[in-house]
Amino acid sequence: MSNSVDTQSLMLQMRSLAAEASSQSQPVQKIEKGAQSAENFADLLSQSVNAVATEQNKSSALKTAFEKGEDVDLTEVMVQAQKASLSFQAMTQVRNKLVEAYKDIKNMPI
């Protein structure tokens, strides 16, 4: 069973959710992850989306280099492809949970 997801559509949805969250959110305590820091949830979400995009770009670059016959190890290409795939799947699940939570809050009786 194949689970096909439109990457562009997913990224646009996530960016629109991040933009909506940044316009409605109040700053929360500072969250630090390595050298990066986020002032609020929208920044954290935006950084996560950018990290996923970076992983996908690295994977694409390594695949292209390997296909051109450059000196790139096949295992490195495969590991990077799996990292990109896994990070994208994780971000998809985060997006699904965010949408579900948004719908739950939206449908709460006042």
C-alpha atoms as a PDB file:
ATOM      1  CA  MET A   1       0.000   0.000   0.000  1.00  0.00           C
ATOM      2  CA  SER A   2       1.553   3.250  -1.126  1.00  0.00           C
ATOM      3  CA  ASN A   3       1.070   6.460   0.854  1.00  0.00           C
ATOM      4  CA  SER A   4       1.571   9.301  -1.606  1.00  0.00           C
ATOM      5  CA  VAL A   5       1.795  12.827  -0.232  1.00  0.00           C
ATOM      6  CA  ASP A   6       2.117  16.000  -2.294  1.00  0.00           C
ATOM      7  CA  THR A   7       5.262  17.590  -0.875  1.00  0.00           C
ATOM      8  CA  GLN A   8       4.600  21.112  -2.108  1.00  0.00           C
ATOM      9  CA  SER A   9       1.047  21.093  -0.787  1.00  0.00           C
ATOM     10  CA  LEU A  10       2.203  19.818   2.591  1.00  0.00           C
ATOM     11  CA  MET A  11       4.922  22.448   2.902  1.00  0.00           C
ATOM     12  CA  LEU A  12       2.467  25.215   1.946  1.00  0.00           C
ATOM     13  CA  GLN A  13      -0.028  23.992   4.531  1.00  0.00           C
ATOM     14  CA  MET A  14       2.643  23.871   7.225  1.00  0.00           C
ATOM     15  CA  ARG A  15       3.894  27.361   6.377  1.00  0.00           C
ATOM     16  CA  SER A  16       0.366  28.740   6.448  1.00  0.00           C
ATOM     17  CA  LEU A  17      -0.205  27.107   9.848  1.00  0.00           C
ATOM     18  CA  ALA A  18       3.071  28.590  11.067  1.00  0.00           C
ATOM     19  CA  ALA A  19       2.076  32.031   9.805  1.00  0.00           C
ATOM     20  CA  GLU A  20      -1.330  31.731  11.453  1.00  0.00           C
ATOM     21  CA  ALA A  21       0.243  30.601  14.702  1.00  0.00           C
ATOM     22  CA  SER A  22       2.701  33.489  14.687  1.00  0.00           C
ATOM     23  CA  SER A  23      -0.076  36.023  14.181  1.00  0.00           C
ATOM     24  CA  GLN A  24      -2.168  34.610  17.026  1.00  0.00           C
ATOM     25  CA  SER A  25       0.366  33.339  19.521  1.00  0.00           C
ATOM     26  CA  GLN A  26       1.740  34.987  22.612  1.00  0.00           C
ATOM     27  CA  PRO A  27       5.469  34.618  23.321  1.00  0.00           C
ATOM     28  CA  VAL A  28       6.281  31.664  25.531  1.00  0.00           C
ATOM     29  CA  GLN A  29       9.444  30.787  27.346  1.00  0.00           C
ATOM     30  CA  LYS A  30      12.548  30.552  25.214  1.00  0.00           C
ATOM     31  CA  ILE A  31      13.155  27.079  23.804  1.00  0.00           C
ATOM     32  CA  GLU A  32      16.731  26.193  22.964  1.00  0.00           C
ATOM     33  CA  LYS A  33      17.905  23.379  20.737  1.00  0.00           C
ATOM     34  CA  GLY A  34      21.603  23.320  20.065  1.00  0.00           C
ATOM     35  CA  ALA A  35      22.676  26.656  18.616  1.00  0.00           C
ATOM     36  CA  GLN A  36      19.131  27.533  17.553  1.00  0.00           C
ATOM     37  CA  SER A  37      16.594  29.205  19.795  1.00  0.00           C
ATOM     38  CA  ALA A  38      12.935  30.019  19.340  1.00  0.00           C
ATOM     39  CA  GLU A  39      10.982  32.795  21.018  1.00  0.00           C
ATOM     40  CA  ASN A  40       7.597  31.182  20.358  1.00  0.00           C
ATOM     41  CA  PHE A  41       5.968  28.142  18.866  1.00  0.00           C
ATOM     42  CA  ALA A  42       5.689  29.701  15.403  1.00  0.00           C
ATOM     43  CA  ASP A  43       9.464  30.244  15.284  1.00  0.00           C
ATOM     44  CA  LEU A  44      10.067  26.686  16.421  1.00  0.00           C
ATOM     45  CA  LEU A  45       7.704  25.346  13.772  1.00  0.00           C
ATOM     46  CA  SER A  46       9.319  27.483  11.102  1.00  0.00           C
ATOM     47  CA  GLN A  47      12.789  26.274  12.087  1.00  0.00           C
ATOM     48  CA  SER A  48      11.569  22.678  11.938  1.00  0.00           C
ATOM     49  CA  VAL A  49      10.122  23.134   8.455  1.00  0.00           C
ATOM     50  CA  ASN A  50      13.370  24.721   7.310  1.00  0.00           C
ATOM     51  CA  ALA A  51      15.371  21.845   8.817  1.00  0.00           C
ATOM     52  CA  VAL A  52      13.266  19.320   6.903  1.00  0.00           C
ATOM     53  CA  ALA A  53      13.751  21.312   3.693  1.00  0.00           C
ATOM     54  CA  THR A  54      17.503  21.375   4.312  1.00  0.00           C
ATOM     55  CA  GLU A  55      17.615  17.602   4.771  1.00  0.00           C
ATOM     56  CA  GLN A  56      15.665  17.128   1.526  1.00  0.00           C
ATOM     57  CA  ASN A  57      17.984  19.498  -0.342  1.00  0.00           C
ATOM     58  CA  LYS A  58      21.063  17.634   0.949  1.00  0.00           C
ATOM     59  CA  SER A  59      19.528  14.345  -0.148  1.00  0.00           C
ATOM     60  CA  SER A  60      18.723  15.714  -3.583  1.00  0.00           C
ATOM     61  CA  ALA A  61      22.228  17.127  -4.010  1.00  0.00           C
ATOM     62  CA  LEU A  62      23.857  13.834  -3.011  1.00  0.00           C
ATOM     63  CA  LYS A  63      21.597  11.848  -5.340  1.00  0.00           C
ATOM     64  CA  THR A  64      22.401  14.178  -8.233  1.00  0.00           C
ATOM     65  CA  ALA A  65      26.133  13.994  -7.508  1.00  0.00           C
ATOM     66  CA  PHE A  66      25.980  10.198  -7.384  1.00  0.00           C
ATOM     67  CA  GLU A  67      24.031  10.031 -10.654  1.00  0.00           C
ATOM     68  CA  LYS A  68      26.628  12.265 -12.336  1.00  0.00           C
ATOM     69  CA  GLY A  69      29.341   9.839 -11.271  1.00  0.00           C
ATOM     70  CA  GLU A  70      31.052  12.133  -8.782  1.00  0.00           C
ATOM     71  CA  ASP A  71      33.011  10.686  -5.873  1.00  0.00           C
ATOM     72  CA  VAL A  72      30.087  10.105  -3.510  1.00  0.00           C
ATOM     73  CA  ASP A  73      29.623   6.958  -1.456  1.00  0.00           C
ATOM     74  CA  LEU A  74      26.359   5.115  -2.131  1.00  0.00           C
ATOM     75  CA  THR A  75      25.833   4.422   1.569  1.00  0.00           C
ATOM     76  CA  GLU A  76      26.097   8.153   2.299  1.00  0.00           C
ATOM     77  CA  VAL A  77      23.481   8.852  -0.377  1.00  0.00           C
ATOM     78  CA  MET A  78      21.132   6.198   1.012  1.00  0.00           C
ATOM     79  CA  VAL A  79      21.568   7.330   4.629  1.00  0.00           C
ATOM     80  CA  GLN A  80      20.853  10.946   3.691  1.00  0.00           C
ATOM     81  CA  ALA A  81      17.787   9.860   1.683  1.00  0.00           C
ATOM     82  CA  GLN A  82      16.482   7.960   4.713  1.00  0.00           C
ATOM     83  CA  LYS A  83      17.153  10.950   6.993  1.00  0.00           C
ATOM     84  CA  ALA A  84      15.202  13.203   4.631  1.00  0.00           C
ATOM     85  CA  SER A  85      12.363  10.707   4.365  1.00  0.00           C
ATOM     86  CA  LEU A  86      12.156  10.171   8.112  1.00  0.00           C
ATOM     87  CA  SER A  87      12.252  13.886   8.912  1.00  0.00           C
ATOM     88  CA  PHE A  88       9.530  14.541   6.330  1.00  0.00           C
ATOM     89  CA  GLN A  89       7.346  11.767   7.742  1.00  0.00           C
ATOM     90  CA  ALA A  90       7.830  13.127  11.265  1.00  0.00           C
ATOM     91  CA  MET A  91       6.912  16.634  10.125  1.00  0.00           C
ATOM     92  CA  THR A  92       3.829  15.229   8.380  1.00  0.00           C
ATOM     93  CA  GLN A  93       2.730  13.603  11.622  1.00  0.00           C
ATOM     94  CA  VAL A  94       3.334  16.843  13.532  1.00  0.00           C
ATOM     95  CA  ARG A  95       1.248  18.700  10.953  1.00  0.00           C
ATOM     96  CA  ASN A  96      -1.543  16.126  11.291  1.00  0.00           C
ATOM     97  CA  LYS A  97      -1.548  16.477  15.079  1.00  0.00           C
ATOM     98  CA  LEU A  98      -1.582  20.277  14.833  1.00  0.00           C
ATOM     99  CA  VAL A  99      -4.528  20.235  12.443  1.00  0.00           C
ATOM    100  CA  GLU A 100      -6.345  17.759  14.685  1.00  0.00           C
ATOM    101  CA  ALA A 101      -5.707  19.919  17.762  1.00  0.00           C
ATOM    102  CA  TYR A 102      -6.830  23.040  15.899  1.00  0.00           C
ATOM    103  CA  LYS A 103     -10.068  21.325  14.870  1.00  0.00           C
ATOM    104  CA  ASP A 104     -10.660  20.104  18.425  1.00  0.00           C
ATOM    105  CA  ILE A 105     -10.200  23.596  19.841  1.00  0.00           C
ATOM    106  CA  LYS A 106     -12.318  25.120  17.091  1.00  0.00           C
ATOM    107  CA  ASN A 107     -15.176  22.725  17.822  1.00  0.00           C
ATOM    108  CA  MET A 108     -15.117  23.227  21.614  1.00  0.00           C
ATOM    109  CA  PRO A 109     -18.335  24.594  23.030  1.00  0.00           C
ATOM    110  CA  ILE A 110     -17.978  27.973  24.664  1.00  0.00           C
END
